[in-house]
Every structure is written in structure tokens, then in C-alpha cells.
Amino acid sequence: MRKSVIALIAVVVLAGAAVAAVPVIEGHAAASIKSEIERAGTAKVDAVSVGLLGRRVTLTNLKSKTAEAELSIGRWEASGLAWPLGELLAGRTPLAGFGWGDPLSAGRVELENVAMADLATGGRWSMDSLLIEGLDLARYDARYDGMFRVAVLTTRAMGALTVRRLEQRNTRVTLPGAGETVGLGSIVLEGYERGLTAKLTMAGADFSAGEKQPAQLSIAETKATKIDFRRTITALSSDKWFPGAPSGRVQIETAKATGFGGELFKRYGISLGEVSFQTAHVRDKVSRTRTHIEGFVLAPPLRGLEGLSLRMALQSMGIKEVKAEFDCYGTEDQGKGELTVDRCALMSPGLGDVELSARIVNADALFWTALDESDLLALQDSTAALGSARLVLTDKSLLERSLRAIAAMSGQPAATLRANWAREVRRYQPAGVLISQSMTQLLDTIARFVEQGGTLVVEAKPEPPVGFDKLEYLLNPGADLVSTLGLKATLLK
């Protein structure tokens, strides 16, 4: 019994000593971390605190400056760090010195008053707060000797990052070059994994011509699901990347933006209801997309030079406002080697409609790669070709109203103007294009559309399909566009 009591007392004494020693150990670890951060002379931090039991590190007023970038953080705290205790006690933390390529795993990361400047590109980024839950940054390659170190290494970090949830408040981005700014009231991201995002919600977005300038465009809310920009990450992570180089195609399953405003909309009296985008994977190697814009209204205000000018132009046409809607469907069939614009339609009730459809055939692997990588120059080496295209113009009053407006401003009768327009179309001779009998017939059909209105259908059915290698011929003087593209125009009532 006595031995048991003595053993229990020993355990209690040792435990008490260990608990009493925790503050001492934490203080030593904090001092070591501060020393490690400032060791290279490029960073300085006012205070560091460590919580061993919560695996927590807090930095206050951190500032870092290198030849490539400047960084300041009012407060940075990471808790639930998955980092060896021995490393932490030695002052070696995941962000000691903020080394590129270092791994980091934390249950929760909080940042306040963050500002960053990319000295190579002139871009700047700031935010009031950032909360990250379930952060896991794997080790990544930090070797880079080019001019755009910050941009490239940040992109590599994005490719190595996994986040369960992220929330950002009051973010401001100044774009490189002309200094345009983008502001975001809030960003909530859920389920991010190495370039693939499950859900993204942004509120209070605005775009300005410069800092402290009024927003030219604002969007109240934007929502998107299944955003895949892994190709963009791959492109921007390359040692050979530079601003303006192909950046890869971003794929989105659904996206919707609502609540449009800003000085540009106010100046011209524009309102817009909703812009949406959808992608549906029908089967293997086949996907369909839809872009829809609804609720567009142009009603110029009775103020400002631009608004008054537009208002007078519409009044001369006998209308107070213009309403329009845009709907576009497309299909990618990589198995069949076809890319089609099934139907893109711009519709304005009472004025007219414009519809376009087209089909690209013989699309090979090079074509799809060029499309995915946004490398348009590479399309020239592809076997893809234009199989067909169709443009439909339906006049419901736009021609008559336009003639009425021009007649009011010029003092000429509308009938005379219409006849002059038709005559100019018939006499039109595009520079460097063969004016054949087929071209003359095509222009005559378009002229009759100007004279009579109705529905004009212009079709292209080249035989054989016109490949990208034919572009050089089509741009040469004397090219026979009508025969090569198989152009035909039809006027319907």
C-alpha cells in the first residue's frame, strides 16, 4: 500500500511539474520561432505566442519584404497544427520564414489585415480577414529562377492545397498594368482540392478603373459549383509561363450571377436580371453547355451626355426602351470529333432576332488539347474544319425604326434612305475578294432584305469542309469566299 501511495504521489508531482513547465516551454518555443522568422533579415514580427496543448501558433504584425514581394499580416493564427512536437519546440514551424514549398497542415487558420504586393508584376492584394478550416498544403517544388516568381510559386501552392472551407472578407485586388481594381465583399469556398472547387459563393463584387474610383460594374452575388481550373494551374506553374501566355481552360458545371449595377449601368440606363452557365456531361466524351442572359433592359436616363444621346436616339426610333435576351447551346463530342454551336440566339421583342449555329468537324486530339490549353495558335496544325454554319436575321421592326431615326436626323425621306442602303449593298466590293456571279447573287439577296425586311438566312456549307490551313488562302487577294465556304443567302417572308 505504501509503495502504491508513493508511486501515485510521484506521478502527481511529475505531472504538476510538467504542467508548470508548459509556460516555460511555450515561451522558449515562441522566442525560437520569432528568431527563426527574422533570421534571414527579410521578415520581422512584433510578437509570437505558442499554445502547445492546442498546437497553436499566433503571429502579430508580421512584415516580410524580398526582391519579389512585400507581405504584411496584422494577425496570423494557426491551430490544430499537424507538425512534430520536437520541430515546434526547436522553433521550426510550418511557416517559419514563410518558405516557398514548405508543407502545412492545420485544423484552422485565421488571418487579419493582410496585404501583399507582387513587385515583379505590380499587382497588389489585400483583405480584412481570412478563415480557413481543414487546410492541408503538401510540399511542392519551389525551384524557380524566372521573373514571375511570386505568381508561379503561388500557383504551385494552389496545386498542392486542399481546403475544407474558406471564408474571405473585404478583399481588394489591384491588377498588374493599368491598375484596375477588383473588390469582393465576401468569398465562401467549400471543398477545394488541388484546383477543383465543389462550391463557390461571392458577394459584393465590384470592378473599378483604379483605386478609390467608383465601381464601373458591380455584381451582388455569384454562385458556382464544380469549378475545375487544374489546367490553369498546370499552365501557370510552368517555368516557361509569362503574362499573356496560354492559361488553360476553366471548366464549370454551374454558375449564376445576379444583381448587376455600377456607374456603367447607371450612365446608360442598363439593367440586367441574371447571367447563368451550365455544363452537362451527357456521356463519355460528350458534354453540352448553355449560356443564358435574361432581363436585359436599356432605358437611358434623362441625365448625362451618354444617357441623353441614347434617349434621343431611341425616341427617334419610336421606342422608350430596348429589351433583349440571349440563349446559347453548344455540344462537344470528342468521340465523334465535333464541336457544335447548336443555337445561339439574341432576341429583342418587337425589334428582331439573330440566330447562329455552326459545326466544326474532324476535330483531332491536337484540336481538343489546344482548346483545353487556350492555345489558339496551335489550332492551325489541327485537322479540324468548318463543316457548316447558319446565320438567321429576323426583322420585326428594327430596319423601319432605324430608317425613321436616321431620316429624322438627316432630313432625307426614309424611302430614299432604304433605296440608297440597298444600292450600296449591291455595289459593295470587299477588298481582296473575288466578285463572282455567286457573290453578286448573295449581295442582291441581302439588298432585298434591306428593301423588304422579313427573314434573311445566310448558310455556309463548304465541300469539302474548310480547315484552319485554308485561312491563309481566304485572306489572300482574289479569294473566292462564296465557293470555298459554300455561301448561300435566302430571303424568307
Protein backbone atom coordinates (compact mmCIF):
# COMPACT_ATOMS: atom_id res chain seq x y z
CA MET A 1 0.00 0.00 0.00
CA ARG A 2 2.77 2.38 0.99
CA LYS A 3 4.60 1.77 -2.33
CA SER A 4 1.40 2.47 -4.27
CA VAL A 5 0.85 5.73 -2.43
CA ILE A 6 4.45 6.77 -3.04
CA ALA A 7 4.12 5.96 -6.77
CA LEU A 8 0.88 7.94 -7.03
CA ILE A 9 2.48 10.92 -5.29
CA ALA A 10 5.42 10.71 -7.71
CA VAL A 11 3.13 10.71 -10.72
CA VAL A 12 1.21 13.73 -9.38
CA VAL A 13 4.44 15.60 -8.64
CA LEU A 14 5.82 14.85 -12.11
CA ALA A 15 2.53 15.82 -13.78
CA GLY A 16 2.42 19.03 -11.81
CA ALA A 17 5.98 19.79 -12.73
CA ALA A 18 5.19 19.13 -16.38
CA VAL A 19 2.14 21.43 -16.27
CA ALA A 20 4.16 24.11 -14.52
CA ALA A 21 6.84 23.76 -17.17
CA VAL A 22 4.41 24.28 -20.09
CA PRO A 23 4.53 28.10 -19.97
CA VAL A 24 8.30 27.99 -19.88
CA ILE A 25 8.42 25.64 -22.86
CA GLU A 26 5.87 27.75 -24.75
CA GLY A 27 7.89 30.90 -24.10
CA HIS A 28 11.05 29.23 -25.32
CA ALA A 29 9.26 27.94 -28.45
CA ALA A 30 7.80 31.42 -29.17
CA ALA A 31 11.23 33.03 -28.85
CA SER A 32 12.74 30.39 -31.13
CA ILE A 33 10.02 30.89 -33.74
CA LYS A 34 10.47 34.67 -33.69
CA SER A 35 14.22 34.26 -34.06
CA GLU A 36 13.81 31.81 -36.96
CA ILE A 37 11.38 34.10 -38.80
CA GLU A 38 13.70 37.10 -38.50
CA ARG A 39 16.95 35.19 -39.04
CA ALA A 40 17.25 35.91 -42.79
CA GLY A 41 16.60 39.62 -42.31
CA THR A 42 13.68 39.71 -44.77
CA ALA A 43 10.89 39.35 -42.18
CA LYS A 44 10.00 40.88 -38.84
CA VAL A 45 7.26 40.03 -36.33
CA ASP A 46 6.26 42.04 -33.26
CA ALA A 47 5.10 39.10 -31.14
CA VAL A 48 4.81 35.31 -31.23
CA SER A 49 2.83 33.10 -28.88
CA VAL A 50 2.59 29.30 -28.73
CA GLY A 51 -0.05 27.03 -27.25
CA LEU A 52 1.38 23.52 -27.02
CA LEU A 53 -1.81 21.76 -25.97
CA GLY A 54 -3.79 23.26 -28.85
CA ARG A 55 -0.84 23.05 -31.24
CA ARG A 56 -1.38 26.76 -31.83
CA VAL A 57 0.96 29.45 -33.13
CA THR A 58 -0.01 33.14 -33.24
CA LEU A 59 1.98 35.87 -35.00
CA THR A 60 1.26 39.59 -34.52
CA ASN A 61 2.18 42.29 -37.01
CA LEU A 62 4.26 40.20 -39.38
CA LYS A 63 6.06 42.03 -42.20
CA SER A 64 8.16 40.47 -44.94
CA LYS A 65 9.96 42.02 -47.90
CA THR A 66 12.03 40.39 -50.62
CA ALA A 67 13.10 41.40 -54.11
CA GLU A 68 9.92 39.80 -55.48
CA ALA A 69 7.19 40.69 -52.99
CA GLU A 70 6.05 42.52 -49.88
CA LEU A 71 3.75 40.95 -47.29
CA SER A 72 2.16 42.25 -44.11
CA ILE A 73 -0.24 40.43 -41.77
CA GLY A 74 -1.78 42.09 -38.74
CA ARG A 75 -2.53 38.76 -37.07
CA TRP A 76 -1.92 35.17 -38.12
CA GLU A 77 -3.02 32.21 -36.07
CA ALA A 78 -2.95 28.51 -36.87
CA SER A 79 -4.36 25.89 -34.53
CA GLY A 80 -4.54 22.13 -34.72
CA LEU A 81 -1.17 22.07 -36.45
CA ALA A 82 -0.09 18.63 -37.59
CA TRP A 83 3.60 19.23 -37.03
CA PRO A 84 6.08 17.19 -35.00
CA LEU A 85 6.29 18.43 -31.41
CA GLY A 86 10.08 18.28 -31.48
CA GLU A 87 10.17 20.57 -34.53
CA LEU A 88 7.81 23.02 -32.84
CA LEU A 89 9.88 23.12 -29.63
CA ALA A 90 13.00 23.74 -31.69
CA GLY A 91 11.35 26.78 -33.25
CA ARG A 92 10.89 25.14 -36.64
CA THR A 93 7.27 25.74 -37.66
CA PRO A 94 5.47 25.17 -40.96
CA LEU A 95 5.58 28.90 -41.70
CA ALA A 96 8.90 29.80 -40.09
CA GLY A 97 10.30 32.32 -42.53
CA PHE A 98 7.36 31.67 -44.87
CA GLY A 99 9.48 29.45 -47.11
CA TRP A 100 8.08 28.58 -50.52
CA GLY A 101 7.48 24.84 -50.91
CA ASP A 102 7.06 24.15 -47.17
CA PRO A 103 4.13 21.93 -46.18
CA LEU A 104 1.41 22.95 -43.72
CA SER A 105 -1.48 21.10 -42.14
CA ALA A 106 -3.84 22.83 -39.73
CA GLY A 107 -7.36 22.41 -38.45
CA ARG A 108 -7.95 26.17 -38.50
CA VAL A 109 -6.05 29.20 -39.84
CA GLU A 110 -7.08 32.81 -39.25
CA LEU A 111 -5.56 35.94 -40.78
CA GLU A 112 -6.43 39.61 -40.26
CA ASN A 113 -5.41 42.76 -42.14
CA VAL A 114 -3.41 41.10 -44.89
CA ALA A 115 -1.66 43.00 -47.70
CA MET A 116 0.59 41.59 -50.42
CA ALA A 117 2.36 43.22 -53.38
CA ASP A 118 3.97 41.40 -56.31
CA LEU A 119 6.87 43.69 -57.18
CA ALA A 120 7.55 41.91 -60.49
CA THR A 121 4.10 42.47 -61.99
CA GLY A 122 2.86 45.48 -59.97
CA GLY A 123 -0.17 43.60 -58.70
CA ARG A 124 -1.46 44.10 -55.15
CA TRP A 125 -3.86 42.15 -52.94
CA SER A 126 -5.37 42.88 -49.53
CA MET A 127 -8.16 41.62 -47.28
CA ASP A 128 -9.62 42.31 -43.87
CA SER A 129 -9.87 38.69 -42.76
CA LEU A 130 -9.43 35.11 -43.88
CA LEU A 131 -10.65 31.95 -42.17
CA ILE A 132 -9.56 28.52 -43.39
CA GLU A 133 -10.77 25.22 -41.97
CA GLY A 134 -9.21 21.86 -42.79
CA LEU A 135 -6.10 23.16 -44.50
CA ASP A 136 -3.57 20.74 -45.96
CA LEU A 137 -0.72 22.13 -48.06
CA ALA A 138 1.55 19.41 -49.41
CA ARG A 139 5.21 20.04 -50.11
CA TYR A 140 5.72 21.37 -53.65
CA ASP A 141 8.60 22.32 -55.93
CA ALA A 142 9.88 25.82 -55.11
CA ARG A 143 12.71 25.91 -57.63
CA TYR A 144 12.22 28.86 -59.98
CA ASP A 145 14.65 31.42 -61.41
CA GLY A 146 12.35 33.46 -63.68
CA MET A 147 10.87 36.95 -63.46
CA PHE A 148 7.45 35.94 -62.18
CA ARG A 149 8.44 34.01 -59.06
CA VAL A 150 5.53 35.06 -56.85
CA ALA A 151 2.85 34.33 -59.46
CA VAL A 152 4.31 30.95 -60.44
CA LEU A 153 5.01 29.72 -56.90
CA THR A 154 1.61 30.89 -55.65
CA THR A 155 0.01 28.86 -58.44
CA ARG A 156 2.09 25.82 -57.50
CA ALA A 157 0.92 26.21 -53.92
CA MET A 158 -2.69 26.26 -55.18
CA GLY A 159 -1.98 22.99 -56.95
CA ALA A 160 -0.75 21.42 -53.71
CA LEU A 161 -3.52 22.78 -51.49
CA THR A 162 -6.63 21.15 -50.04
CA VAL A 163 -9.17 23.16 -48.01
CA ARG A 164 -12.43 22.05 -46.44
CA ARG A 165 -13.83 25.60 -46.14
CA LEU A 166 -12.51 29.12 -46.74
CA GLU A 167 -14.12 32.46 -45.98
CA GLN A 168 -12.65 35.81 -47.01
CA ARG A 169 -13.91 39.30 -46.12
CA ASN A 170 -13.38 42.63 -47.89
CA THR A 171 -10.81 41.63 -50.48
CA ARG A 172 -9.22 44.17 -52.85
CA VAL A 173 -7.06 43.21 -55.84
CA THR A 174 -5.13 45.70 -58.00
CA LEU A 175 -4.38 44.11 -61.35
CA PRO A 176 -0.91 44.44 -62.91
CA GLY A 177 -0.52 47.03 -65.66
CA ALA A 178 -3.17 49.74 -65.83
CA GLY A 179 -4.10 49.41 -62.15
CA GLU A 180 -7.72 48.30 -62.44
CA THR A 181 -9.12 47.07 -59.13
CA VAL A 182 -11.45 44.25 -58.18
CA GLY A 183 -13.27 44.26 -54.85
CA LEU A 184 -15.10 41.40 -53.15
CA GLY A 185 -17.24 41.83 -50.05
CA SER A 186 -17.05 38.14 -49.22
CA ILE A 187 -15.89 34.84 -50.67
CA VAL A 188 -17.00 31.46 -49.33
CA LEU A 189 -15.32 28.41 -50.82
CA GLU A 190 -16.17 24.84 -49.89
CA GLY A 191 -14.40 21.62 -50.82
CA TYR A 192 -11.28 22.81 -52.59
CA GLU A 193 -8.84 20.10 -53.68
CA ARG A 194 -5.76 20.94 -55.78
CA GLY A 195 -7.60 23.14 -58.28
CA LEU A 196 -11.07 21.59 -58.11
CA THR A 197 -13.71 23.51 -56.13
CA ALA A 198 -17.02 21.96 -55.09
CA LYS A 199 -18.83 25.24 -54.34
CA LEU A 200 -18.02 28.94 -54.52
CA THR A 201 -20.14 31.94 -53.46
CA MET A 202 -19.05 35.56 -53.91
CA ALA A 203 -20.97 38.63 -52.74
CA GLY A 204 -20.42 42.33 -53.29
CA ALA A 205 -18.09 42.19 -56.30
CA ASP A 206 -17.10 45.47 -57.98
CA PHE A 207 -14.70 46.45 -60.74
CA SER A 208 -13.09 49.91 -60.93
CA ALA A 209 -10.74 51.72 -63.27
CA GLY A 210 -8.38 52.44 -60.39
CA GLU A 211 -8.01 52.62 -56.64
CA LYS A 212 -10.56 54.87 -54.87
CA GLN A 213 -12.51 55.17 -58.12
CA PRO A 214 -16.27 54.47 -58.28
CA ALA A 215 -17.22 50.97 -59.36
CA GLN A 216 -17.86 50.75 -63.10
CA LEU A 217 -19.50 47.36 -62.69
CA SER A 218 -20.85 45.62 -59.60
CA ILE A 219 -22.40 42.18 -59.06
CA ALA A 220 -24.39 41.48 -55.92
CA GLU A 221 -23.94 37.70 -55.89
CA THR A 222 -22.22 34.99 -57.89
CA LYS A 223 -22.58 31.26 -57.24
CA ALA A 224 -20.75 28.42 -58.94
CA THR A 225 -20.33 24.66 -58.49
CA LYS A 226 -17.67 22.18 -59.58
CA ILE A 227 -15.09 24.67 -60.84
CA ASP A 228 -12.08 22.95 -62.36
CA PHE A 229 -9.06 25.12 -63.08
CA ARG A 230 -6.43 22.40 -62.80
CA ARG A 231 -5.38 23.06 -66.39
CA THR A 232 -4.83 26.72 -65.50
CA ILE A 233 -2.72 25.71 -62.50
CA THR A 234 -0.63 23.42 -64.70
CA ALA A 235 -0.07 26.20 -67.25
CA LEU A 236 0.78 28.93 -64.73
CA SER A 237 3.04 26.61 -62.70
CA SER A 238 5.41 26.12 -65.61
CA ASP A 239 8.89 27.66 -65.60
CA LYS A 240 8.11 28.96 -69.10
CA TRP A 241 4.89 30.81 -68.17
CA PHE A 242 4.64 34.57 -68.69
CA PRO A 243 1.71 37.05 -68.60
CA GLY A 244 -0.30 36.62 -71.79
CA ALA A 245 0.78 33.02 -72.38
CA PRO A 246 -1.93 30.32 -72.79
CA SER A 247 -3.50 29.80 -69.38
CA GLY A 248 -5.73 26.75 -69.87
CA ARG A 249 -9.49 26.39 -70.00
CA VAL A 250 -11.53 26.60 -66.79
CA GLN A 251 -14.46 24.17 -66.64
CA ILE A 252 -17.58 25.00 -64.60
CA GLU A 253 -20.62 22.83 -64.02
CA THR A 254 -22.97 25.67 -62.99
CA ALA A 255 -22.58 29.41 -62.47
CA LYS A 256 -25.07 32.21 -61.89
CA ALA A 257 -24.62 35.95 -61.32
CA THR A 258 -27.35 38.35 -60.20
CA GLY A 259 -27.71 41.94 -59.01
CA PHE A 260 -25.80 43.92 -61.64
CA GLY A 261 -25.07 47.62 -61.20
CA GLY A 262 -22.33 50.25 -61.21
CA GLU A 263 -21.57 53.55 -62.92
CA LEU A 264 -21.57 51.99 -66.39
CA PHE A 265 -25.10 50.66 -65.92
CA LYS A 266 -26.33 53.94 -64.42
CA ARG A 267 -24.79 56.04 -67.18
CA TYR A 268 -26.58 54.18 -69.96
CA GLY A 269 -29.69 53.14 -68.05
CA ILE A 270 -28.96 49.42 -68.27
CA SER A 271 -30.45 46.76 -66.03
CA LEU A 272 -29.66 43.06 -66.16
CA GLY A 273 -31.50 40.28 -64.38
CA GLU A 274 -29.31 37.17 -64.48
CA VAL A 275 -26.39 35.56 -66.27
CA SER A 276 -26.09 31.78 -65.96
CA PHE A 277 -23.95 28.97 -67.35
CA GLN A 278 -24.38 25.19 -67.21
CA THR A 279 -22.38 22.18 -68.34
CA ALA A 280 -23.93 18.73 -68.55
CA HIS A 281 -21.86 15.60 -69.20
CA VAL A 282 -24.22 13.52 -71.33
CA ARG A 283 -21.93 10.51 -71.66
CA ASP A 284 -18.27 9.68 -72.06
CA LYS A 285 -16.52 12.38 -74.12
CA VAL A 286 -19.80 14.22 -74.75
CA SER A 287 -20.83 17.39 -72.92
CA ARG A 288 -23.33 20.16 -73.52
CA THR A 289 -23.21 23.76 -72.36
CA ARG A 290 -25.76 26.52 -72.05
CA THR A 291 -25.21 30.25 -71.54
CA HIS A 292 -28.28 32.31 -70.71
CA ILE A 293 -28.64 36.09 -70.23
CA GLU A 294 -32.07 37.34 -69.24
CA GLY A 295 -33.68 40.53 -68.06
CA PHE A 296 -31.59 42.95 -70.16
CA VAL A 297 -33.24 46.36 -70.45
CA LEU A 298 -31.81 49.55 -71.96
CA ALA A 299 -33.77 52.61 -70.73
CA PRO A 300 -31.44 55.64 -70.99
CA PRO A 301 -31.85 58.23 -68.21
CA LEU A 302 -32.57 61.93 -68.72
CA ARG A 303 -29.15 62.93 -67.39
CA GLY A 304 -25.57 62.80 -68.61
CA LEU A 305 -24.39 63.19 -72.19
CA GLU A 306 -24.40 59.46 -72.92
CA GLY A 307 -27.85 58.90 -71.43
CA LEU A 308 -29.44 61.85 -73.23
CA SER A 309 -27.88 60.86 -76.56
CA LEU A 310 -29.20 57.31 -76.29
CA ARG A 311 -32.60 58.51 -75.10
CA MET A 312 -32.94 60.80 -78.11
CA ALA A 313 -31.86 58.01 -80.47
CA LEU A 314 -34.48 55.64 -79.07
CA GLN A 315 -37.17 58.32 -79.18
CA SER A 316 -36.40 58.96 -82.84
CA MET A 317 -37.00 55.22 -83.38
CA GLY A 318 -40.34 55.49 -81.59
CA ILE A 319 -39.36 53.39 -78.54
CA LYS A 320 -38.57 54.18 -74.89
CA GLU A 321 -36.54 51.09 -74.05
CA VAL A 322 -34.92 48.03 -75.55
CA LYS A 323 -35.36 44.58 -74.03
CA ALA A 324 -33.25 41.58 -75.01
CA GLU A 325 -32.40 38.01 -74.07
CA PHE A 326 -29.53 35.76 -75.09
CA ASP A 327 -29.56 31.95 -75.09
CA CYS A 328 -26.77 29.75 -76.42
CA TYR A 329 -26.37 25.95 -76.55
CA GLY A 330 -23.26 24.06 -77.59
CA THR A 331 -22.05 20.45 -77.70
CA GLU A 332 -18.60 18.88 -77.52
CA ASP A 333 -18.38 15.34 -78.87
CA GLN A 334 -14.73 14.31 -78.66
CA GLY A 335 -15.54 10.75 -79.65
CA LYS A 336 -17.16 11.92 -82.86
CA GLY A 337 -14.64 14.73 -83.34
CA GLU A 338 -17.22 17.50 -83.48
CA LEU A 339 -17.80 20.83 -81.76
CA THR A 340 -21.16 22.43 -82.49
CA VAL A 341 -22.90 25.66 -81.69
CA ASP A 342 -26.39 24.18 -81.66
CA ARG A 343 -28.17 27.52 -81.37
CA CYS A 344 -27.10 30.95 -80.19
CA ALA A 345 -29.96 33.43 -80.25
CA LEU A 346 -30.19 37.12 -79.42
CA MET A 347 -33.86 38.05 -79.14
CA SER A 348 -35.37 41.51 -78.75
CA PRO A 349 -39.20 41.50 -78.58
CA GLY A 350 -40.73 43.73 -81.22
CA LEU A 351 -37.38 44.58 -82.84
CA GLY A 352 -35.75 41.45 -84.21
CA ASP A 353 -33.87 38.20 -83.61
CA VAL A 354 -30.41 36.94 -84.54
CA GLU A 355 -29.63 33.20 -84.55
CA LEU A 356 -26.34 31.46 -85.20
CA SER A 357 -25.40 27.80 -85.48
CA ALA A 358 -22.15 26.18 -86.61
CA ARG A 359 -20.38 22.83 -86.70
CA ILE A 360 -16.65 22.04 -86.50
CA VAL A 361 -15.79 18.57 -87.83
CA ASN A 362 -12.67 16.37 -87.99
CA ALA A 363 -11.54 17.62 -84.58
CA ASP A 364 -8.45 15.67 -83.61
CA ALA A 365 -6.55 15.33 -80.33
CA LEU A 366 -4.47 18.40 -81.19
CA PHE A 367 -7.65 20.47 -81.52
CA TRP A 368 -9.01 19.44 -78.11
CA THR A 369 -5.62 20.00 -76.49
CA ALA A 370 -5.39 23.48 -77.99
CA LEU A 371 -8.90 24.22 -76.76
CA ASP A 372 -8.16 22.95 -73.26
CA GLU A 373 -4.93 24.92 -73.07
CA SER A 374 -6.45 28.07 -74.66
CA ASP A 375 -3.69 27.99 -77.27
CA LEU A 376 -5.40 29.31 -80.40
CA LEU A 377 -2.19 29.32 -82.44
CA ALA A 378 -1.94 25.54 -82.07
CA LEU A 379 -5.28 25.18 -83.90
CA GLN A 380 -3.50 25.86 -87.19
CA ASP A 381 -1.88 22.43 -87.03
CA SER A 382 -5.15 20.64 -86.34
CA THR A 383 -7.26 18.74 -88.88
CA ALA A 384 -10.42 20.40 -87.53
CA ALA A 385 -12.52 22.16 -90.17
CA LEU A 386 -15.69 24.17 -90.58
CA GLY A 387 -18.42 21.77 -91.64
CA SER A 388 -21.35 24.18 -91.72
CA ALA A 389 -22.69 27.47 -90.35
CA ARG A 390 -26.04 29.24 -90.44
CA LEU A 391 -26.97 32.85 -89.63
CA VAL A 392 -30.63 33.90 -89.43
CA LEU A 393 -31.66 37.56 -89.16
CA THR A 394 -35.35 38.20 -88.47
CA ASP A 395 -36.53 41.79 -88.76
CA LYS A 396 -39.62 42.66 -86.72
CA SER A 397 -39.37 46.47 -86.97
CA LEU A 398 -35.70 47.29 -86.40
CA LEU A 399 -35.00 48.21 -90.03
CA GLU A 400 -38.00 50.52 -90.30
CA ARG A 401 -37.30 52.16 -86.92
CA SER A 402 -33.61 52.65 -87.77
CA LEU A 403 -34.51 54.27 -91.09
CA ARG A 404 -37.01 56.52 -89.32
CA ALA A 405 -34.37 57.67 -86.84
CA ILE A 406 -31.73 58.37 -89.49
CA ALA A 407 -34.30 60.15 -91.63
CA ALA A 408 -35.21 62.44 -88.72
CA MET A 409 -31.54 63.36 -88.19
CA SER A 410 -30.58 63.70 -91.88
CA GLY A 411 -33.76 65.25 -93.25
CA GLN A 412 -33.99 62.66 -96.03
CA PRO A 413 -37.12 60.58 -96.63
CA ALA A 414 -36.99 57.07 -95.17
CA ALA A 415 -37.84 55.52 -98.55
CA THR A 416 -34.86 57.25 -100.15
CA LEU A 417 -32.55 56.06 -97.40
CA ARG A 418 -33.74 52.49 -97.78
CA ALA A 419 -33.16 52.57 -101.53
CA ASN A 420 -29.68 54.04 -101.02
CA TRP A 421 -28.78 51.34 -98.47
CA ALA A 422 -29.90 48.58 -100.83
CA ARG A 423 -27.96 50.10 -103.72
CA GLU A 424 -24.77 50.33 -101.60
CA VAL A 425 -25.11 46.65 -100.64
CA ARG A 426 -25.44 45.59 -104.28
CA ARG A 427 -22.41 47.69 -105.25
CA TYR A 428 -20.30 46.56 -102.31
CA GLN A 429 -16.95 45.02 -103.33
CA PRO A 430 -14.97 43.64 -100.39
CA ALA A 431 -11.24 44.28 -100.80
CA GLY A 432 -9.27 41.20 -101.85
CA VAL A 433 -12.38 39.08 -102.55
CA LEU A 434 -13.33 37.63 -105.94
CA ILE A 435 -16.56 39.32 -107.11
CA SER A 436 -18.11 36.34 -108.88
CA GLN A 437 -21.68 35.83 -110.07
CA SER A 438 -22.36 33.89 -106.87
CA MET A 439 -21.10 36.84 -104.79
CA THR A 440 -23.33 39.20 -106.77
CA GLN A 441 -26.37 36.97 -106.13
CA LEU A 442 -25.51 36.82 -102.43
CA LEU A 443 -25.30 40.61 -102.15
CA ASP A 444 -28.54 41.02 -104.11
CA THR A 445 -30.40 38.79 -101.61
CA ILE A 446 -29.05 40.86 -98.72
CA ALA A 447 -30.12 44.05 -100.53
CA ARG A 448 -33.66 42.73 -100.93
CA PHE A 449 -33.70 42.06 -97.16
CA VAL A 450 -32.88 45.74 -96.65
CA GLU A 451 -35.69 46.72 -99.06
CA GLN A 452 -38.38 44.33 -97.83
CA GLY A 453 -37.46 43.14 -94.35
CA GLY A 454 -38.53 39.61 -93.43
CA THR A 455 -36.05 36.86 -92.52
CA LEU A 456 -32.58 36.58 -94.07
CA VAL A 457 -30.82 33.21 -93.92
CA VAL A 458 -27.12 33.01 -94.77
CA GLU A 459 -25.66 29.49 -94.86
CA ALA A 460 -22.16 28.12 -95.27
CA LYS A 461 -21.81 24.50 -96.44
CA PRO A 462 -18.26 24.07 -97.73
CA GLU A 463 -17.42 20.96 -99.72
CA PRO A 464 -15.04 19.72 -98.51
CA PRO A 465 -15.06 21.28 -95.01
CA VAL A 466 -12.70 24.25 -94.69
CA GLY A 467 -9.77 23.57 -92.36
CA PHE A 468 -7.67 26.08 -90.48
CA ASP A 469 -4.96 25.60 -93.10
CA LYS A 470 -7.29 27.37 -95.57
CA LEU A 471 -7.27 30.61 -93.57
CA GLU A 472 -4.16 31.84 -95.37
CA TYR A 473 -5.87 31.34 -98.74
CA LEU A 474 -9.08 33.08 -97.61
CA LEU A 475 -7.07 36.13 -96.56
CA ASN A 476 -5.20 36.36 -99.85
CA PRO A 477 -6.28 38.83 -102.56
CA GLY A 478 -8.74 37.34 -105.02
CA ALA A 479 -10.01 34.62 -102.72
CA ASP A 480 -13.32 33.08 -103.79
CA LEU A 481 -15.12 33.18 -100.43
CA VAL A 482 -18.50 32.15 -101.79
CA SER A 483 -17.33 28.96 -103.48
CA THR A 484 -14.79 27.96 -100.82
CA LEU A 485 -17.24 28.44 -97.93
CA GLY A 486 -20.28 27.29 -99.91
CA LEU A 487 -22.16 30.52 -99.07
CA LYS A 488 -25.83 30.90 -99.93
CA ALA A 489 -28.38 33.54 -98.91
CA THR A 490 -32.15 33.10 -98.83
CA LEU A 491 -34.87 35.69 -98.10
CA LEU A 492 -38.00 34.45 -96.35
CA LYS A 493 -41.16 36.39 -95.62
